[in-house]
Amino acid sequence: MILFENYNTARQKYGIEMVNHLSKLGLPPQYLLSACRFIHEHNVPLQRMVIQFKDWIKYVIKFERYDVNKLSYDDFLKILSQEKSKHIVPNLIWQNETASLGKLNNAKDVQSIPIKNQWCIKSQRWFNDYTSKGYVFFVIYLPNEPLPFTFVVAAICDGDVEYYDTQDYEQFEDLRGGNENNSDHELYQRKLPQEIVSYLYDIAAQQTEQKEANIETENKQWQ
């Protein structure tokens, strides 16, 4: 009933042409009235409006309940931004206003990151291949950082922390000639909150300790 009310009211107030256009772009009928109101009051392009409502469905309604018909456009955008930042990163571990860290447990998690990327681990076969070698993967989200560094994959293996931008280019840690402080690895890492850096290097340290313990055990077996 509410769906028909939204559809009919939207047609009456804003015209059948706008309603039909939004419907053809994939906007669900329960959001037609609010979408038309936002477009009419704030001159929002129709395609952008549909994208915003699709994000609303994915990042807001899936977790929280709001009556969008009672919201202003500013409130709509504010809630969308807040909720999207909570859920845009899979398996969230840590977050503040400028950065988020999440754990990548499988290729599906990699595929859920809402940006075009070249990471080979979005294939489950490649993901399994790397994890079988001891790799663990995380994603770092810096919403204020331009591409290709908005999302970066942190890969940890054998006590080393590696960073890969969305083009799958590693930010190399150049240890030659005392250049480590100005390497791509270090320059990117300076953008990160210390809490994220500490979390990643704590895992790397645990890997190193385990590796050394395994070597010690093997040496004892041969004595």
C-alpha atoms as a PDB file:
ATOM      1  CA  MET A   1       0.000   0.000   0.000  1.00  0.00           C
ATOM      2  CA  ILE A   2       2.796   2.415   0.948  1.00  0.00           C
ATOM      3  CA  LEU A   3       4.555   1.634  -2.335  1.00  0.00           C
ATOM      4  CA  PHE A   4       1.506   2.681  -4.341  1.00  0.00           C
ATOM      5  CA  GLU A   5       1.046   5.773  -2.174  1.00  0.00           C
ATOM      6  CA  ASN A   6       4.628   6.858  -2.826  1.00  0.00           C
ATOM      7  CA  TYR A   7       4.312   6.156  -6.533  1.00  0.00           C
ATOM      8  CA  ASN A   8       0.945   7.887  -6.978  1.00  0.00           C
ATOM      9  CA  THR A   9       1.842  10.889  -4.819  1.00  0.00           C
ATOM     10  CA  ALA A  10       5.155  11.303  -6.659  1.00  0.00           C
ATOM     11  CA  ARG A  11       3.322  11.250  -9.999  1.00  0.00           C
ATOM     12  CA  GLN A  12       0.775  13.800  -8.839  1.00  0.00           C
ATOM     13  CA  LYS A  13       3.295  16.217  -7.310  1.00  0.00           C
ATOM     14  CA  TYR A  14       6.269  15.903  -9.664  1.00  0.00           C
ATOM     15  CA  GLY A  15       4.936  14.477 -12.910  1.00  0.00           C
ATOM     16  CA  ILE A  16       4.882  11.099 -14.581  1.00  0.00           C
ATOM     17  CA  GLU A  17       7.971  11.849 -16.703  1.00  0.00           C
ATOM     18  CA  MET A  18      10.314  12.177 -13.710  1.00  0.00           C
ATOM     19  CA  VAL A  19       8.758   9.192 -11.931  1.00  0.00           C
ATOM     20  CA  ASN A  20       9.053   6.962 -14.980  1.00  0.00           C
ATOM     21  CA  HIS A  21      12.626   8.075 -15.644  1.00  0.00           C
ATOM     22  CA  LEU A  22      13.674   7.262 -12.066  1.00  0.00           C
ATOM     23  CA  SER A  23      11.905   3.902 -12.264  1.00  0.00           C
ATOM     24  CA  LYS A  24      13.721   3.041 -15.498  1.00  0.00           C
ATOM     25  CA  LEU A  25      17.022   3.930 -13.813  1.00  0.00           C
ATOM     26  CA  GLY A  26      16.255   1.305 -11.164  1.00  0.00           C
ATOM     27  CA  LEU A  27      14.966   3.340  -8.220  1.00  0.00           C
ATOM     28  CA  PRO A  28      12.633   1.188  -6.042  1.00  0.00           C
ATOM     29  CA  PRO A  29       9.082   2.605  -5.802  1.00  0.00           C
ATOM     30  CA  GLN A  30       9.228   3.202  -2.030  1.00  0.00           C
ATOM     31  CA  TYR A  31      11.851   5.908  -2.615  1.00  0.00           C
ATOM     32  CA  LEU A  32      10.208   7.690  -5.541  1.00  0.00           C
ATOM     33  CA  LEU A  33       8.494  10.380  -3.486  1.00  0.00           C
ATOM     34  CA  SER A  34      11.611  11.318  -1.520  1.00  0.00           C
ATOM     35  CA  ALA A  35      13.830  11.167  -4.610  1.00  0.00           C
ATOM     36  CA  CYS A  36      11.522  13.472  -6.548  1.00  0.00           C
ATOM     37  CA  ARG A  37      11.402  15.873  -3.591  1.00  0.00           C
ATOM     38  CA  PHE A  38      15.195  15.975  -3.289  1.00  0.00           C
ATOM     39  CA  ILE A  39      15.599  16.486  -7.036  1.00  0.00           C
ATOM     40  CA  HIS A  40      12.964  19.225  -7.111  1.00  0.00           C
ATOM     41  CA  GLU A  41      14.316  21.091  -4.053  1.00  0.00           C
ATOM     42  CA  HIS A  42      18.053  20.685  -4.667  1.00  0.00           C
ATOM     43  CA  ASN A  43      18.343  20.130  -8.423  1.00  0.00           C
ATOM     44  CA  VAL A  44      20.116  16.796  -7.933  1.00  0.00           C
ATOM     45  CA  PRO A  45      20.827  14.977 -11.230  1.00  0.00           C
ATOM     46  CA  LEU A  46      18.559  11.964 -11.593  1.00  0.00           C
ATOM     47  CA  GLN A  47      21.335   9.405 -12.040  1.00  0.00           C
ATOM     48  CA  ARG A  48      23.180  10.708  -8.990  1.00  0.00           C
ATOM     49  CA  MET A  49      19.972  10.473  -6.989  1.00  0.00           C
ATOM     50  CA  VAL A  50      19.502   6.832  -7.973  1.00  0.00           C
ATOM     51  CA  ILE A  51      23.121   6.017  -7.061  1.00  0.00           C
ATOM     52  CA  GLN A  52      22.677   7.668  -3.667  1.00  0.00           C
ATOM     53  CA  PHE A  53      19.536   5.667  -2.962  1.00  0.00           C
ATOM     54  CA  LYS A  54      21.229   2.447  -4.024  1.00  0.00           C
ATOM     55  CA  ASP A  55      23.975   3.271  -1.508  1.00  0.00           C
ATOM     56  CA  TRP A  56      21.219   4.027   1.030  1.00  0.00           C
ATOM     57  CA  ILE A  57      19.819   0.528   0.515  1.00  0.00           C
ATOM     58  CA  LYS A  58      23.267  -1.099   0.701  1.00  0.00           C
ATOM     59  CA  TYR A  59      24.816   0.799   3.600  1.00  0.00           C
ATOM     60  CA  VAL A  60      21.926   2.232   5.630  1.00  0.00           C
ATOM     61  CA  ILE A  61      18.685   0.260   5.460  1.00  0.00           C
ATOM     62  CA  LYS A  62      20.545  -3.024   5.667  1.00  0.00           C
ATOM     63  CA  PHE A  63      21.680  -2.036   9.172  1.00  0.00           C
ATOM     64  CA  GLU A  64      19.461   0.808  10.428  1.00  0.00           C
ATOM     65  CA  ARG A  65      15.846   1.892   9.913  1.00  0.00           C
ATOM     66  CA  TYR A  66      14.951   5.428   8.840  1.00  0.00           C
ATOM     67  CA  ASP A  67      11.816   6.920   7.347  1.00  0.00           C
ATOM     68  CA  VAL A  68      13.408   8.754   4.456  1.00  0.00           C
ATOM     69  CA  ASN A  69      10.174  10.622   3.720  1.00  0.00           C
ATOM     70  CA  LYS A  70      10.707  12.518   6.982  1.00  0.00           C
ATOM     71  CA  LEU A  71      14.293  13.515   6.237  1.00  0.00           C
ATOM     72  CA  SER A  72      15.678  16.631   4.621  1.00  0.00           C
ATOM     73  CA  TYR A  73      18.210  16.110   1.855  1.00  0.00           C
ATOM     74  CA  ASP A  74      20.989  17.365   4.118  1.00  0.00           C
ATOM     75  CA  ASP A  75      20.017  14.842   6.802  1.00  0.00           C
ATOM     76  CA  PHE A  76      19.755  12.122   4.161  1.00  0.00           C
ATOM     77  CA  LEU A  77      23.308  12.831   2.967  1.00  0.00           C
ATOM     78  CA  LYS A  78      24.644  13.076   6.515  1.00  0.00           C
ATOM     79  CA  ILE A  79      23.181   9.722   7.547  1.00  0.00           C
ATOM     80  CA  LEU A  80      24.306   8.132   4.278  1.00  0.00           C
ATOM     81  CA  SER A  81      27.864   9.353   4.789  1.00  0.00           C
ATOM     82  CA  GLN A  82      27.993   8.192   8.420  1.00  0.00           C
ATOM     83  CA  GLU A  83      26.559   4.739   7.778  1.00  0.00           C
ATOM     84  CA  LYS A  84      28.515   4.208   4.582  1.00  0.00           C
ATOM     85  CA  SER A  85      31.772   4.906   6.404  1.00  0.00           C
ATOM     86  CA  LYS A  86      30.829   2.223   8.960  1.00  0.00           C
ATOM     87  CA  HIS A  87      30.066  -0.506   6.452  1.00  0.00           C
ATOM     88  CA  ILE A  88      32.068   0.279   3.327  1.00  0.00           C
ATOM     89  CA  VAL A  89      35.021  -1.653   4.748  1.00  0.00           C
ATOM     90  CA  PRO A  90      34.443  -5.396   5.261  1.00  0.00           C
ATOM     91  CA  ASN A  91      35.029  -6.885   8.727  1.00  0.00           C
ATOM     92  CA  LEU A  92      35.793  -3.513  10.301  1.00  0.00           C
ATOM     93  CA  ILE A  93      38.574  -3.574  12.911  1.00  0.00           C
ATOM     94  CA  TRP A  94      39.339   0.101  13.547  1.00  0.00           C
ATOM     95  CA  GLN A  95      37.932   3.423  12.379  1.00  0.00           C
ATOM     96  CA  ASN A  96      38.033   7.159  12.939  1.00  0.00           C
ATOM     97  CA  GLU A  97      36.916  10.133  10.835  1.00  0.00           C
ATOM     98  CA  THR A  98      39.790   9.849   8.357  1.00  0.00           C
ATOM     99  CA  ALA A  99      40.659   6.144   8.133  1.00  0.00           C
ATOM    100  CA  SER A 100      39.248   2.629   8.432  1.00  0.00           C
ATOM    101  CA  LEU A 101      40.877  -0.792   8.648  1.00  0.00           C
ATOM    102  CA  GLY A 102      39.131  -4.056   7.771  1.00  0.00           C
ATOM    103  CA  LYS A 103      40.106  -7.728   7.470  1.00  0.00           C
ATOM    104  CA  LEU A 104      39.885  -9.514   4.126  1.00  0.00           C
ATOM    105  CA  ASN A 105      38.910 -13.109   4.811  1.00  0.00           C
ATOM    106  CA  ASN A 106      38.184 -14.222   1.248  1.00  0.00           C
ATOM    107  CA  ALA A 107      37.828 -13.039  -2.336  1.00  0.00           C
ATOM    108  CA  LYS A 108      34.203 -12.077  -1.717  1.00  0.00           C
ATOM    109  CA  ASP A 109      35.379  -9.494   0.829  1.00  0.00           C
ATOM    110  CA  VAL A 110      37.782  -8.075  -1.775  1.00  0.00           C
ATOM    111  CA  GLN A 111      35.013  -7.944  -4.368  1.00  0.00           C
ATOM    112  CA  SER A 112      32.740  -6.075  -1.935  1.00  0.00           C
ATOM    113  CA  ILE A 113      35.055  -3.050  -1.881  1.00  0.00           C
ATOM    114  CA  PRO A 114      33.105  -0.497  -3.955  1.00  0.00           C
ATOM    115  CA  ILE A 115      35.800   0.643  -6.335  1.00  0.00           C
ATOM    116  CA  LYS A 116      37.420  -0.634  -9.513  1.00  0.00           C
ATOM    117  CA  ASN A 117      40.691  -2.337  -8.682  1.00  0.00           C
ATOM    118  CA  GLN A 118      43.323  -4.649 -10.142  1.00  0.00           C
ATOM    119  CA  TRP A 119      43.994  -6.795  -7.077  1.00  0.00           C
ATOM    120  CA  CYS A 120      44.537 -10.393  -8.123  1.00  0.00           C
ATOM    121  CA  ILE A 121      43.185 -11.625  -4.769  1.00  0.00           C
ATOM    122  CA  LYS A 122      39.632 -10.797  -5.849  1.00  0.00           C
ATOM    123  CA  SER A 123      39.936 -14.233  -7.462  1.00  0.00           C
ATOM    124  CA  GLN A 124      39.354 -16.897  -4.810  1.00  0.00           C
ATOM    125  CA  ARG A 125      41.994 -19.112  -6.434  1.00  0.00           C
ATOM    126  CA  TRP A 126      44.635 -16.433  -6.081  1.00  0.00           C
ATOM    127  CA  PHE A 127      43.429 -15.534  -2.587  1.00  0.00           C
ATOM    128  CA  ASN A 128      43.784 -19.161  -1.491  1.00  0.00           C
ATOM    129  CA  ASP A 129      47.188 -19.429  -3.150  1.00  0.00           C
ATOM    130  CA  TYR A 130      48.549 -16.490  -1.168  1.00  0.00           C
ATOM    131  CA  THR A 131      46.974 -17.449   2.157  1.00  0.00           C
ATOM    132  CA  SER A 132      48.401 -20.955   1.795  1.00  0.00           C
ATOM    133  CA  LYS A 133      51.828 -19.288   1.782  1.00  0.00           C
ATOM    134  CA  GLY A 134      51.069 -17.486   5.041  1.00  0.00           C
ATOM    135  CA  TYR A 135      49.709 -14.168   3.797  1.00  0.00           C
ATOM    136  CA  VAL A 136      47.009 -12.303   5.719  1.00  0.00           C
ATOM    137  CA  PHE A 137      45.189  -9.412   4.068  1.00  0.00           C
ATOM    138  CA  PHE A 138      43.616  -6.160   5.245  1.00  0.00           C
ATOM    139  CA  VAL A 139      42.067  -3.185   3.488  1.00  0.00           C
ATOM    140  CA  ILE A 140      42.750   0.413   4.478  1.00  0.00           C
ATOM    141  CA  TYR A 141      40.219   3.087   3.525  1.00  0.00           C
ATOM    142  CA  LEU A 142      41.287   6.742   3.454  1.00  0.00           C
ATOM    143  CA  PRO A 143      38.191   8.633   2.219  1.00  0.00           C
ATOM    144  CA  ASN A 144      40.066  11.918   1.829  1.00  0.00           C
ATOM    145  CA  GLU A 145      42.909  10.387  -0.173  1.00  0.00           C
ATOM    146  CA  PRO A 146      42.672  10.463  -4.002  1.00  0.00           C
ATOM    147  CA  LEU A 147      42.878   7.378  -6.177  1.00  0.00           C
ATOM    148  CA  PRO A 148      44.671   5.029  -6.335  1.00  0.00           C
ATOM    149  CA  PHE A 149      45.167   5.317  -2.565  1.00  0.00           C
ATOM    150  CA  THR A 150      41.576   5.680  -1.372  1.00  0.00           C
ATOM    151  CA  PHE A 151      41.603   1.931  -0.783  1.00  0.00           C
ATOM    152  CA  VAL A 152      44.867   0.048  -0.247  1.00  0.00           C
ATOM    153  CA  VAL A 153      45.421  -3.634   0.503  1.00  0.00           C
ATOM    154  CA  ALA A 154      47.901  -4.377   3.285  1.00  0.00           C
ATOM    155  CA  ALA A 155      49.483  -7.819   2.896  1.00  0.00           C
ATOM    156  CA  ILE A 156      51.498  -9.322   5.750  1.00  0.00           C
ATOM    157  CA  CYS A 157      53.728 -12.363   5.350  1.00  0.00           C
ATOM    158  CA  ASP A 158      56.933 -13.568   7.029  1.00  0.00           C
ATOM    159  CA  GLY A 159      56.957 -10.481   9.223  1.00  0.00           C
ATOM    160  CA  ASP A 160      56.813  -8.004   6.327  1.00  0.00           C
ATOM    161  CA  VAL A 161      54.056  -5.446   5.732  1.00  0.00           C
ATOM    162  CA  GLU A 162      53.337  -4.635   2.085  1.00  0.00           C
ATOM    163  CA  TYR A 163      50.931  -2.050   0.640  1.00  0.00           C
ATOM    164  CA  TYR A 164      49.183  -2.339  -2.741  1.00  0.00           C
ATOM    165  CA  ASP A 165      47.173   0.502  -4.298  1.00  0.00           C
ATOM    166  CA  THR A 166      44.053  -0.107  -6.400  1.00  0.00           C
ATOM    167  CA  GLN A 167      46.207  -0.627  -9.504  1.00  0.00           C
ATOM    168  CA  ASP A 168      47.898  -3.483  -7.588  1.00  0.00           C
ATOM    169  CA  TYR A 169      51.185  -1.566  -7.509  1.00  0.00           C
ATOM    170  CA  GLU A 170      53.236  -2.240  -4.405  1.00  0.00           C
ATOM    171  CA  GLN A 171      54.517   0.738  -2.449  1.00  0.00           C
ATOM    172  CA  PHE A 172      58.106  -0.441  -2.279  1.00  0.00           C
ATOM    173  CA  GLU A 173      60.232  -0.066   0.805  1.00  0.00           C
ATOM    174  CA  ASP A 174      63.575   1.018  -0.630  1.00  0.00           C
ATOM    175  CA  LEU A 175      66.262   0.121   1.909  1.00  0.00           C
ATOM    176  CA  ARG A 176      69.186   1.032  -0.316  1.00  0.00           C
ATOM    177  CA  GLY A 177      71.467   3.921   0.540  1.00  0.00           C
ATOM    178  CA  GLY A 178      69.468   5.062   3.545  1.00  0.00           C
ATOM    179  CA  ASN A 179      66.450   5.880   1.366  1.00  0.00           C
ATOM    180  CA  GLU A 180      63.928   4.053   3.561  1.00  0.00           C
ATOM    181  CA  ASN A 181      62.516   7.305   5.011  1.00  0.00           C
ATOM    182  CA  ASN A 182      61.524   8.535   1.559  1.00  0.00           C
ATOM    183  CA  SER A 183      60.416   5.262  -0.006  1.00  0.00           C
ATOM    184  CA  ASP A 184      56.906   4.883  -1.427  1.00  0.00           C
ATOM    185  CA  HIS A 185      56.180   2.497   1.428  1.00  0.00           C
ATOM    186  CA  GLU A 186      57.133   5.020   4.092  1.00  0.00           C
ATOM    187  CA  LEU A 187      55.482   7.992   2.363  1.00  0.00           C
ATOM    188  CA  TYR A 188      52.179   6.110   2.199  1.00  0.00           C
ATOM    189  CA  GLN A 189      52.503   4.835   5.758  1.00  0.00           C
ATOM    190  CA  ARG A 190      52.854   8.393   7.061  1.00  0.00           C
ATOM    191  CA  LYS A 191      49.293   9.021   5.920  1.00  0.00           C
ATOM    192  CA  LEU A 192      47.982   6.341   8.287  1.00  0.00           C
ATOM    193  CA  PRO A 193      46.901   6.747  11.910  1.00  0.00           C
ATOM    194  CA  GLN A 194      49.409   5.221  14.293  1.00  0.00           C
ATOM    195  CA  GLU A 195      46.737   2.803  15.530  1.00  0.00           C
ATOM    196  CA  ILE A 196      46.547   1.146  12.096  1.00  0.00           C
ATOM    197  CA  VAL A 197      50.321   1.012  11.662  1.00  0.00           C
ATOM    198  CA  SER A 198      50.756  -0.500  15.135  1.00  0.00           C
ATOM    199  CA  TYR A 199      48.045  -3.091  14.517  1.00  0.00           C
ATOM    200  CA  LEU A 200      49.638  -4.266  11.269  1.00  0.00           C
ATOM    201  CA  TYR A 201      53.173  -4.388  12.637  1.00  0.00           C
ATOM    202  CA  ASP A 202      52.058  -6.236  15.758  1.00  0.00           C
ATOM    203  CA  ILE A 203      50.804  -9.005  13.450  1.00  0.00           C
ATOM    204  CA  ALA A 204      54.058  -8.877  11.491  1.00  0.00           C
ATOM    205  CA  ALA A 205      56.032  -9.178  14.750  1.00  0.00           C
ATOM    206  CA  GLN A 206      53.960 -12.208  15.770  1.00  0.00           C
ATOM    207  CA  GLN A 207      54.732 -13.829  12.427  1.00  0.00           C
ATOM    208  CA  THR A 208      58.437 -13.166  12.904  1.00  0.00           C
ATOM    209  CA  GLU A 209      58.387 -14.658  16.396  1.00  0.00           C
ATOM    210  CA  GLN A 210      56.548 -17.742  15.146  1.00  0.00           C
ATOM    211  CA  LYS A 211      58.971 -18.124  12.255  1.00  0.00           C
ATOM    212  CA  GLU A 212      61.965 -17.936  14.603  1.00  0.00           C
ATOM    213  CA  ALA A 213      60.326 -20.415  16.989  1.00  0.00           C
ATOM    214  CA  ASN A 214      59.752 -22.849  14.101  1.00  0.00           C
ATOM    215  CA  ILE A 215      63.392 -22.551  13.015  1.00  0.00           C
ATOM    216  CA  GLU A 216      64.560 -23.159  16.570  1.00  0.00           C
ATOM    217  CA  THR A 217      62.349 -26.231  16.848  1.00  0.00           C
ATOM    218  CA  GLU A 218      63.678 -27.617  13.554  1.00  0.00           C
ATOM    219  CA  ASN A 219      67.284 -27.033  14.647  1.00  0.00           C
ATOM    220  CA  LYS A 220      66.675 -28.916  17.898  1.00  0.00           C
ATOM    221  CA  GLN A 221      65.260 -31.851  15.966  1.00  0.00           C
ATOM    222  CA  TRP A 222      68.480 -32.120  13.975  1.00  0.00           C
ATOM    223  CA  GLN A 223      70.760 -31.967  17.022  1.00  0.00           C
END
